[in-house]
Amino acid sequence: MKTFTAIVERDPDTKFYVGYVPGFPGAHSQGETLDELQENLREVIEMLLEDEPVQSTFIL
C-alpha cells in the first residue's frame, strides 16, 4: 500500500474541498466531502499510473 500526501483547501465560494498530490502533475480534484475528495484523488492517480491499481492511504 502506498501513502500519498494531498494538499487540501476548502473553496469559500463553493464550499467544496479541492486538493492536489505534489509530485503528480495533473493529480488534482474536488469533492463535496473529504471522503469524496479522497476517492476522486485515488481515481486520478490510478489513471495517471495507467492500469496499476492503487491501494493507498492519504494524509489530508
N, C-alpha and C. Protein backbone atom coordinates (compact mmCIF):
# COMPACT_ATOMS: atom_id res chain seq x y z
N MET A 1 0.85 -1.17 0.00
CA MET A 1 0.00 0.00 0.00
C MET A 1 0.90 1.24 0.00
N LYS A 2 0.58 2.17 -0.87
CA LYS A 2 1.33 3.41 -0.95
C LYS A 2 0.59 4.50 -0.18
N THR A 3 1.34 5.43 0.34
CA THR A 3 0.76 6.58 1.03
C THR A 3 1.11 7.83 0.25
N PHE A 4 0.10 8.64 0.00
CA PHE A 4 0.28 9.90 -0.70
C PHE A 4 -0.18 11.03 0.19
N THR A 5 0.49 12.15 0.07
CA THR A 5 0.09 13.34 0.81
C THR A 5 -0.66 14.26 -0.14
N ALA A 6 -1.84 14.68 0.27
CA ALA A 6 -2.64 15.60 -0.53
C ALA A 6 -2.71 16.95 0.18
N ILE A 7 -2.57 17.99 -0.60
CA ILE A 7 -2.74 19.35 -0.09
C ILE A 7 -4.20 19.71 -0.35
N VAL A 8 -4.92 20.07 0.71
CA VAL A 8 -6.37 20.29 0.62
C VAL A 8 -6.73 21.67 1.13
N GLU A 9 -7.62 22.31 0.41
CA GLU A 9 -8.19 23.59 0.83
C GLU A 9 -9.70 23.51 0.65
N ARG A 10 -10.42 24.36 1.33
CA ARG A 10 -11.86 24.43 1.14
C ARG A 10 -12.16 25.74 0.41
N ASP A 11 -12.83 25.61 -0.72
CA ASP A 11 -13.17 26.79 -1.52
C ASP A 11 -14.28 27.55 -0.80
N PRO A 12 -14.04 28.82 -0.46
CA PRO A 12 -15.04 29.57 0.30
C PRO A 12 -16.31 29.87 -0.51
N ASP A 13 -16.22 29.87 -1.82
CA ASP A 13 -17.40 30.16 -2.63
C ASP A 13 -18.28 28.94 -2.83
N THR A 14 -17.67 27.82 -3.18
CA THR A 14 -18.45 26.60 -3.48
C THR A 14 -18.61 25.69 -2.27
N LYS A 15 -17.78 25.89 -1.24
CA LYS A 15 -17.73 25.03 -0.05
C LYS A 15 -17.23 23.63 -0.37
N PHE A 16 -16.65 23.43 -1.57
CA PHE A 16 -16.07 22.15 -1.93
C PHE A 16 -14.64 22.09 -1.43
N TYR A 17 -14.19 20.86 -1.16
CA TYR A 17 -12.78 20.63 -0.86
C TYR A 17 -12.06 20.45 -2.19
N VAL A 18 -10.94 21.10 -2.34
CA VAL A 18 -10.11 20.94 -3.54
C VAL A 18 -8.74 20.48 -3.08
N GLY A 19 -8.14 19.58 -3.83
CA GLY A 19 -6.85 19.07 -3.40
C GLY A 19 -6.00 18.62 -4.57
N TYR A 20 -4.71 18.52 -4.30
CA TYR A 20 -3.77 18.00 -5.28
C TYR A 20 -2.71 17.20 -4.56
N VAL A 21 -2.05 16.33 -5.33
CA VAL A 21 -0.99 15.49 -4.78
C VAL A 21 0.33 15.99 -5.37
N PRO A 22 1.20 16.56 -4.53
CA PRO A 22 2.50 17.03 -5.02
C PRO A 22 3.29 15.87 -5.66
N GLY A 23 3.95 16.18 -6.76
CA GLY A 23 4.75 15.17 -7.44
C GLY A 23 3.99 14.42 -8.51
N PHE A 24 2.70 14.66 -8.63
CA PHE A 24 1.88 14.05 -9.66
C PHE A 24 1.23 15.14 -10.48
N PRO A 25 1.90 15.61 -11.53
CA PRO A 25 1.28 16.63 -12.38
C PRO A 25 -0.08 16.15 -12.87
N GLY A 26 -1.08 16.96 -12.70
CA GLY A 26 -2.43 16.60 -13.11
C GLY A 26 -3.24 15.91 -12.05
N ALA A 27 -2.64 15.60 -10.90
CA ALA A 27 -3.36 14.91 -9.83
C ALA A 27 -4.04 15.93 -8.93
N HIS A 28 -5.17 16.40 -9.40
CA HIS A 28 -5.96 17.33 -8.60
C HIS A 28 -7.42 17.02 -8.81
N SER A 29 -8.24 17.35 -7.81
CA SER A 29 -9.65 17.05 -7.90
C SER A 29 -10.39 17.87 -6.87
N GLN A 30 -11.68 17.61 -6.77
CA GLN A 30 -12.51 18.27 -5.77
C GLN A 30 -13.58 17.31 -5.29
N GLY A 31 -14.18 17.65 -4.17
CA GLY A 31 -15.26 16.83 -3.64
C GLY A 31 -16.06 17.60 -2.62
N GLU A 32 -17.31 17.21 -2.48
CA GLU A 32 -18.18 17.87 -1.51
C GLU A 32 -17.78 17.53 -0.07
N THR A 33 -17.19 16.34 0.11
CA THR A 33 -16.70 15.91 1.41
C THR A 33 -15.25 15.48 1.27
N LEU A 34 -14.56 15.33 2.40
CA LEU A 34 -13.18 14.84 2.35
C LEU A 34 -13.12 13.42 1.82
N ASP A 35 -14.11 12.59 2.17
CA ASP A 35 -14.14 11.22 1.65
C ASP A 35 -14.29 11.20 0.14
N GLU A 36 -15.16 12.06 -0.38
CA GLU A 36 -15.35 12.13 -1.83
C GLU A 36 -14.08 12.63 -2.51
N LEU A 37 -13.43 13.62 -1.93
CA LEU A 37 -12.17 14.12 -2.48
C LEU A 37 -11.12 13.03 -2.49
N GLN A 38 -11.01 12.28 -1.41
CA GLN A 38 -10.02 11.20 -1.33
C GLN A 38 -10.26 10.16 -2.42
N GLU A 39 -11.50 9.77 -2.62
CA GLU A 39 -11.82 8.79 -3.65
C GLU A 39 -11.51 9.35 -5.04
N ASN A 40 -11.84 10.61 -5.27
CA ASN A 40 -11.55 11.23 -6.56
C ASN A 40 -10.05 11.29 -6.83
N LEU A 41 -9.27 11.64 -5.82
CA LEU A 41 -7.81 11.68 -5.99
C LEU A 41 -7.25 10.29 -6.25
N ARG A 42 -7.80 9.29 -5.59
CA ARG A 42 -7.35 7.91 -5.81
C ARG A 42 -7.58 7.52 -7.28
N GLU A 43 -8.75 7.87 -7.81
CA GLU A 43 -9.06 7.55 -9.20
C GLU A 43 -8.12 8.28 -10.16
N VAL A 44 -7.82 9.54 -9.86
CA VAL A 44 -6.91 10.31 -10.71
C VAL A 44 -5.53 9.66 -10.73
N ILE A 45 -5.02 9.27 -9.57
CA ILE A 45 -3.69 8.66 -9.51
C ILE A 45 -3.68 7.33 -10.26
N GLU A 46 -4.75 6.55 -10.13
CA GLU A 46 -4.83 5.29 -10.87
C GLU A 46 -4.75 5.55 -12.37
N MET A 47 -5.45 6.57 -12.84
CA MET A 47 -5.39 6.90 -14.27
C MET A 47 -3.99 7.35 -14.68
N LEU A 48 -3.35 8.13 -13.82
CA LEU A 48 -2.00 8.60 -14.15
C LEU A 48 -0.99 7.46 -14.17
N LEU A 49 -1.20 6.47 -13.34
CA LEU A 49 -0.28 5.33 -13.31
C LEU A 49 -0.64 4.28 -14.36
N GLU A 50 -1.71 4.51 -15.11
CA GLU A 50 -2.14 3.64 -16.20
C GLU A 50 -2.22 2.17 -15.83
N ASP A 51 -3.39 1.79 -15.45
CA ASP A 51 -3.73 0.38 -15.22
C ASP A 51 -3.02 -0.26 -14.03
N GLU A 52 -2.37 0.51 -13.20
CA GLU A 52 -1.79 -0.05 -11.98
C GLU A 52 -2.76 0.25 -10.85
N PRO A 53 -3.45 -0.75 -10.31
CA PRO A 53 -4.35 -0.48 -9.20
C PRO A 53 -3.58 0.11 -8.02
N VAL A 54 -4.17 1.07 -7.39
CA VAL A 54 -3.51 1.75 -6.28
C VAL A 54 -4.25 1.42 -4.99
N GLN A 55 -3.56 0.72 -4.11
CA GLN A 55 -4.07 0.55 -2.76
C GLN A 55 -3.31 1.58 -1.94
N SER A 56 -4.02 2.58 -1.49
CA SER A 56 -3.31 3.70 -0.89
C SER A 56 -4.09 4.29 0.27
N THR A 57 -3.36 5.05 1.05
CA THR A 57 -3.96 5.89 2.07
C THR A 57 -3.51 7.31 1.79
N PHE A 58 -4.30 8.25 2.23
CA PHE A 58 -3.98 9.65 2.03
C PHE A 58 -3.81 10.33 3.36
N ILE A 59 -2.88 11.25 3.42
CA ILE A 59 -2.72 12.12 4.56
C ILE A 59 -3.29 13.45 4.11
N LEU A 60 -4.44 13.81 4.65
CA LEU A 60 -5.12 15.05 4.24
C LEU A 60 -4.87 16.14 5.23
